[in-house]
């Protein structure tokens, strides 16, 4: 019973972290439509948190004429992981070992 509760708590924590990451990436994408001040603390925070995730995707994507679709790809991947990992952990916990 303790292990099941731990797995449920872990699944919920993963879900919260991934949801927070989704909102941070959306915020960064929205801010990038404008000319943000690179010294703005909010922009610097969003850049530091999201760039390690977006940069590798950008490096493997072909050039699309200045359109950056890396946030869309990352958001799709996060949603896949949320639906796969979190659901699998919850099913595993509720069904027992």
Protein backbone atom coordinates (compact mmCIF):
# COMPACT_ATOMS: atom_id res chain seq x y z
CA UNK A 1 0.00 0.00 0.00
CA UNK A 2 2.86 2.42 0.75
CA UNK A 3 4.50 1.74 -2.60
CA UNK A 4 1.22 2.30 -4.44
CA UNK A 5 0.75 5.65 -2.71
CA UNK A 6 4.33 6.61 -3.53
CA UNK A 7 3.79 5.79 -7.21
CA UNK A 8 0.56 7.79 -7.28
CA UNK A 9 2.30 10.78 -5.68
CA UNK A 10 5.18 10.45 -8.15
CA UNK A 11 2.78 10.36 -11.09
CA UNK A 12 1.01 13.47 -9.83
CA UNK A 13 4.30 15.27 -9.29
CA UNK A 14 5.46 14.41 -12.83
CA UNK A 15 2.14 15.66 -14.17
CA UNK A 16 2.51 18.98 -12.30
CA UNK A 17 6.10 19.49 -13.45
CA UNK A 18 5.25 18.73 -17.07
CA UNK A 19 2.20 21.02 -16.95
CA UNK A 20 4.36 23.82 -15.53
CA UNK A 21 6.87 23.24 -18.32
CA UNK A 22 4.09 23.50 -20.90
CA UNK A 23 3.09 26.91 -19.53
CA UNK A 24 6.69 28.11 -19.45
CA UNK A 25 7.19 27.15 -23.10
CA UNK A 26 3.91 28.81 -24.09
CA UNK A 27 4.99 31.95 -22.22
CA UNK A 28 8.33 31.97 -23.98
CA UNK A 29 6.68 31.50 -27.37
CA UNK A 30 4.26 34.36 -26.71
CA UNK A 31 7.01 36.69 -25.52
CA UNK A 32 9.13 35.86 -28.57
CA UNK A 33 6.46 37.36 -30.85
CA UNK A 34 7.43 40.77 -29.51
CA UNK A 35 10.87 42.32 -29.17
CA UNK A 36 11.60 41.40 -25.58
CA UNK A 37 14.24 43.21 -23.63
CA UNK A 38 16.98 40.59 -23.16
CA UNK A 39 17.75 42.07 -19.73
CA UNK A 40 14.19 41.62 -18.48
CA UNK A 41 14.30 39.16 -15.55
CA UNK A 42 11.15 37.35 -16.72
CA UNK A 43 12.57 36.82 -20.20
CA UNK A 44 15.91 35.71 -18.79
CA UNK A 45 14.17 33.18 -16.53
CA UNK A 46 12.04 31.79 -19.36
CA UNK A 47 15.08 31.60 -21.62
CA UNK A 48 17.21 29.77 -19.04
CA UNK A 49 14.49 27.26 -18.26
CA UNK A 50 13.29 26.51 -21.79
CA UNK A 51 16.38 26.90 -23.96
CA UNK A 52 18.02 23.60 -22.89
CA UNK A 53 14.84 21.84 -24.06
CA UNK A 54 14.18 23.82 -27.24
CA UNK A 55 17.75 24.12 -28.52
CA UNK A 56 18.35 20.41 -29.31
CA UNK A 57 15.07 20.29 -31.25
CA UNK A 58 16.06 23.41 -33.20
CA UNK A 59 19.41 21.84 -34.08
CA UNK A 60 17.83 18.83 -35.78
CA UNK A 61 14.95 20.66 -37.48
CA UNK A 62 15.40 21.77 -41.08
CA UNK A 63 15.33 25.50 -41.80
CA UNK A 64 11.74 26.62 -42.34
CA UNK A 65 12.28 30.20 -43.41
CA UNK A 66 12.63 31.71 -39.97
CA UNK A 67 9.68 29.90 -38.42
CA UNK A 68 10.57 28.18 -35.17
CA UNK A 69 8.34 25.16 -34.61
CA UNK A 70 10.47 23.69 -31.83
CA UNK A 71 7.97 24.82 -29.13
CA UNK A 72 5.19 22.96 -30.93
CA UNK A 73 7.26 19.79 -31.17
CA UNK A 74 8.26 20.01 -27.51
CA UNK A 75 4.65 20.63 -26.44
CA UNK A 76 3.50 17.58 -28.39
CA UNK A 77 6.26 15.48 -26.83
CA UNK A 78 5.36 16.68 -23.34
CA UNK A 79 1.69 15.85 -23.88
CA UNK A 80 2.68 12.40 -25.13
CA UNK A 81 4.83 11.80 -22.06
CA UNK A 82 2.10 13.09 -19.78
CA UNK A 83 -0.46 10.76 -21.26
CA UNK A 84 1.92 7.81 -21.42
CA UNK A 85 4.07 8.01 -18.29
CA UNK A 86 1.55 9.47 -15.86
CA UNK A 87 -1.25 7.17 -17.00
CA UNK A 88 1.03 4.14 -16.91
CA UNK A 89 2.23 4.95 -13.40
CA UNK A 90 -1.32 5.49 -12.16
CA UNK A 91 -2.55 2.26 -13.77
CA UNK A 92 0.41 0.41 -12.28
CA UNK A 93 -0.31 1.79 -8.82
CA UNK A 94 -4.06 1.15 -8.90
CA UNK A 95 -3.69 -2.41 -10.22
CA UNK A 96 -0.97 -3.27 -7.75
CA UNK A 97 2.22 -5.15 -8.40
